[in-house]
N, C-alpha and C. Protein backbone atom coordinates (compact mmCIF):
# COMPACT_ATOMS: atom_id res chain seq x y z
N MET A 1 15.01 -146.68 6.16
CA MET A 1 16.19 -146.59 7.00
C MET A 1 17.41 -147.06 6.23
N ASN A 2 18.52 -146.57 6.62
CA ASN A 2 19.76 -146.92 5.95
C ASN A 2 20.51 -147.93 6.82
N ASN A 3 20.77 -149.11 6.29
CA ASN A 3 21.48 -150.15 7.04
C ASN A 3 22.98 -150.16 6.77
N GLU A 4 23.45 -149.14 6.08
CA GLU A 4 24.86 -149.10 5.73
C GLU A 4 25.74 -149.02 6.98
N GLY A 5 25.31 -148.28 7.97
CA GLY A 5 26.10 -148.15 9.19
C GLY A 5 26.15 -149.45 9.98
N LEU A 6 25.12 -150.27 9.88
CA LEU A 6 25.10 -151.52 10.62
C LEU A 6 25.88 -152.63 9.93
N THR A 7 25.99 -152.57 8.63
CA THR A 7 26.65 -153.64 7.89
C THR A 7 28.11 -153.37 7.65
N ARG A 8 28.59 -152.18 7.98
CA ARG A 8 30.01 -151.89 7.79
C ARG A 8 30.85 -152.69 8.75
N THR A 9 31.99 -153.12 8.30
CA THR A 9 32.93 -153.83 9.17
C THR A 9 34.21 -153.02 9.25
N SER A 10 34.94 -153.21 10.30
CA SER A 10 36.18 -152.46 10.46
C SER A 10 37.25 -153.05 9.55
N ASN A 11 38.22 -152.26 9.23
CA ASN A 11 39.31 -152.68 8.36
C ASN A 11 40.43 -153.29 9.19
N VAL A 12 40.22 -154.48 9.69
CA VAL A 12 41.23 -155.16 10.49
C VAL A 12 42.12 -155.95 9.54
N VAL A 13 43.41 -155.73 9.66
CA VAL A 13 44.37 -156.41 8.80
C VAL A 13 44.86 -157.64 9.54
N ASP A 14 44.71 -158.81 8.91
CA ASP A 14 45.14 -160.05 9.53
C ASP A 14 46.55 -160.44 9.13
N ASP A 15 47.27 -159.55 8.48
CA ASP A 15 48.63 -159.83 8.04
C ASP A 15 49.59 -159.58 9.21
N PRO A 16 50.25 -160.61 9.73
CA PRO A 16 51.11 -160.42 10.89
C PRO A 16 52.36 -159.60 10.61
N THR A 17 52.70 -159.39 9.33
CA THR A 17 53.89 -158.59 9.04
C THR A 17 53.66 -157.12 9.29
N GLN A 18 52.41 -156.69 9.33
CA GLN A 18 52.11 -155.28 9.55
C GLN A 18 51.96 -154.94 11.03
N GLU A 19 51.94 -155.93 11.89
CA GLU A 19 51.82 -155.66 13.33
C GLU A 19 53.18 -155.24 13.88
N THR A 20 53.16 -154.28 14.77
CA THR A 20 54.39 -153.86 15.41
C THR A 20 54.42 -154.46 16.81
N GLU A 21 55.57 -154.98 17.18
CA GLU A 21 55.71 -155.59 18.50
C GLU A 21 56.70 -154.78 19.31
N ALA A 22 56.46 -154.70 20.58
CA ALA A 22 57.37 -154.00 21.48
C ALA A 22 58.60 -154.87 21.70
N PRO A 23 59.74 -154.25 21.91
CA PRO A 23 60.94 -155.04 22.17
C PRO A 23 60.78 -155.83 23.48
N LEU A 24 61.34 -157.01 23.50
CA LEU A 24 61.18 -157.89 24.65
C LEU A 24 62.29 -157.71 25.67
N ARG A 25 63.12 -156.74 25.52
CA ARG A 25 64.23 -156.52 26.45
C ARG A 25 63.76 -155.70 27.65
N VAL A 26 64.27 -156.08 28.80
CA VAL A 26 63.93 -155.38 30.03
C VAL A 26 65.23 -154.93 30.68
N ASN A 27 65.27 -153.69 31.09
CA ASN A 27 66.45 -153.18 31.76
C ASN A 27 66.39 -153.59 33.23
N VAL A 28 67.26 -154.51 33.61
CA VAL A 28 67.24 -155.06 34.96
C VAL A 28 67.65 -154.01 35.98
N ASP A 29 68.55 -153.12 35.61
CA ASP A 29 69.00 -152.08 36.54
C ASP A 29 67.84 -151.17 36.95
N VAL A 30 66.97 -150.86 36.01
CA VAL A 30 65.81 -150.02 36.33
C VAL A 30 64.89 -150.75 37.29
N LEU A 31 64.66 -152.04 37.05
CA LEU A 31 63.81 -152.82 37.95
C LEU A 31 64.41 -152.93 39.34
N LYS A 32 65.72 -153.12 39.42
CA LYS A 32 66.39 -153.18 40.72
C LYS A 32 66.25 -151.86 41.46
N GLN A 33 66.41 -150.77 40.73
CA GLN A 33 66.30 -149.45 41.36
C GLN A 33 64.89 -149.21 41.87
N ARG A 34 63.87 -149.63 41.11
CA ARG A 34 62.49 -149.49 41.58
C ARG A 34 62.26 -150.33 42.83
N LEU A 35 62.82 -151.53 42.86
CA LEU A 35 62.67 -152.39 44.03
C LEU A 35 63.33 -151.78 45.25
N ILE A 36 64.52 -151.22 45.07
CA ILE A 36 65.23 -150.58 46.19
C ILE A 36 64.44 -149.38 46.71
N GLU A 37 63.88 -148.58 45.80
CA GLU A 37 63.08 -147.42 46.22
C GLU A 37 61.83 -147.86 46.97
N GLN A 38 61.18 -148.92 46.52
CA GLN A 38 59.98 -149.42 47.19
C GLN A 38 60.33 -149.94 48.58
N GLN A 39 61.46 -150.65 48.69
CA GLN A 39 61.87 -151.16 50.00
C GLN A 39 62.21 -150.01 50.94
N ARG A 40 62.81 -148.96 50.42
CA ARG A 40 63.14 -147.79 51.24
C ARG A 40 61.87 -147.13 51.76
N LYS A 41 60.87 -147.00 50.89
CA LYS A 41 59.59 -146.40 51.31
C LYS A 41 58.92 -147.26 52.37
N ASP A 42 58.95 -148.58 52.19
CA ASP A 42 58.35 -149.47 53.18
C ASP A 42 59.07 -149.37 54.52
N ARG A 43 60.39 -149.26 54.49
CA ARG A 43 61.18 -149.14 55.72
C ARG A 43 60.84 -147.86 56.45
N VAL A 44 60.68 -146.76 55.70
CA VAL A 44 60.33 -145.48 56.32
C VAL A 44 58.94 -145.57 56.96
N LYS A 45 58.00 -146.20 56.27
CA LYS A 45 56.65 -146.35 56.82
C LYS A 45 56.68 -147.15 58.12
N ARG A 46 57.42 -148.27 58.12
CA ARG A 46 57.50 -149.09 59.33
C ARG A 46 58.15 -148.33 60.47
N THR A 47 59.18 -147.55 60.17
CA THR A 47 59.86 -146.77 61.20
C THR A 47 58.92 -145.73 61.79
N ILE A 48 58.16 -145.05 60.96
CA ILE A 48 57.22 -144.04 61.45
C ILE A 48 56.14 -144.68 62.31
N ILE A 49 55.59 -145.81 61.87
CA ILE A 49 54.55 -146.48 62.65
C ILE A 49 55.10 -146.95 63.98
N LEU A 50 56.28 -147.57 63.98
CA LEU A 50 56.89 -148.06 65.23
C LEU A 50 57.19 -146.89 66.17
N SER A 51 57.72 -145.81 65.63
CA SER A 51 58.02 -144.63 66.46
C SER A 51 56.75 -144.06 67.07
N THR A 52 55.68 -144.00 66.30
CA THR A 52 54.42 -143.48 66.80
C THR A 52 53.88 -144.35 67.93
N VAL A 53 53.97 -145.66 67.77
CA VAL A 53 53.50 -146.57 68.82
C VAL A 53 54.33 -146.41 70.09
N VAL A 54 55.65 -146.33 69.95
CA VAL A 54 56.52 -146.20 71.13
C VAL A 54 56.27 -144.87 71.84
N VAL A 55 56.14 -143.79 71.08
CA VAL A 55 55.89 -142.47 71.69
C VAL A 55 54.52 -142.46 72.36
N SER A 56 53.53 -143.07 71.74
CA SER A 56 52.19 -143.11 72.33
C SER A 56 52.20 -143.90 73.64
N LEU A 57 52.86 -145.05 73.64
CA LEU A 57 52.96 -145.84 74.87
C LEU A 57 53.71 -145.06 75.95
N GLY A 58 54.76 -144.37 75.57
CA GLY A 58 55.51 -143.56 76.55
C GLY A 58 54.66 -142.45 77.11
N ALA A 59 53.89 -141.78 76.26
CA ALA A 59 53.03 -140.68 76.72
C ALA A 59 51.94 -141.22 77.65
N LEU A 60 51.36 -142.36 77.31
CA LEU A 60 50.34 -142.94 78.19
C LEU A 60 50.92 -143.36 79.53
N THR A 61 52.14 -143.88 79.49
CA THR A 61 52.79 -144.26 80.75
C THR A 61 53.06 -143.05 81.62
N VAL A 62 53.54 -141.96 81.05
CA VAL A 62 53.82 -140.74 81.80
C VAL A 62 52.52 -140.15 82.33
N LEU A 63 51.45 -140.19 81.57
CA LEU A 63 50.18 -139.61 82.01
C LEU A 63 49.51 -140.42 83.11
N THR A 64 49.75 -141.71 83.16
CA THR A 64 49.09 -142.54 84.17
C THR A 64 49.80 -142.46 85.51
N TYR A 65 51.05 -142.06 85.57
CA TYR A 65 51.76 -141.97 86.85
C TYR A 65 51.92 -140.58 87.31
């Protein structure tokens, strides 16, 4: 059997100068816009749920009388 495949090691470079790092800057305006969009979606969901509950209660009230 050939043990060459088992004894091979990967070529990992431990030199930190060759590593690339992502920039640490964050665009705050983009994050604010995402937050505003998420809040808008949540508001629409709450409005739809509340409207459905009110309409359902109204329909049940009309059907019982």
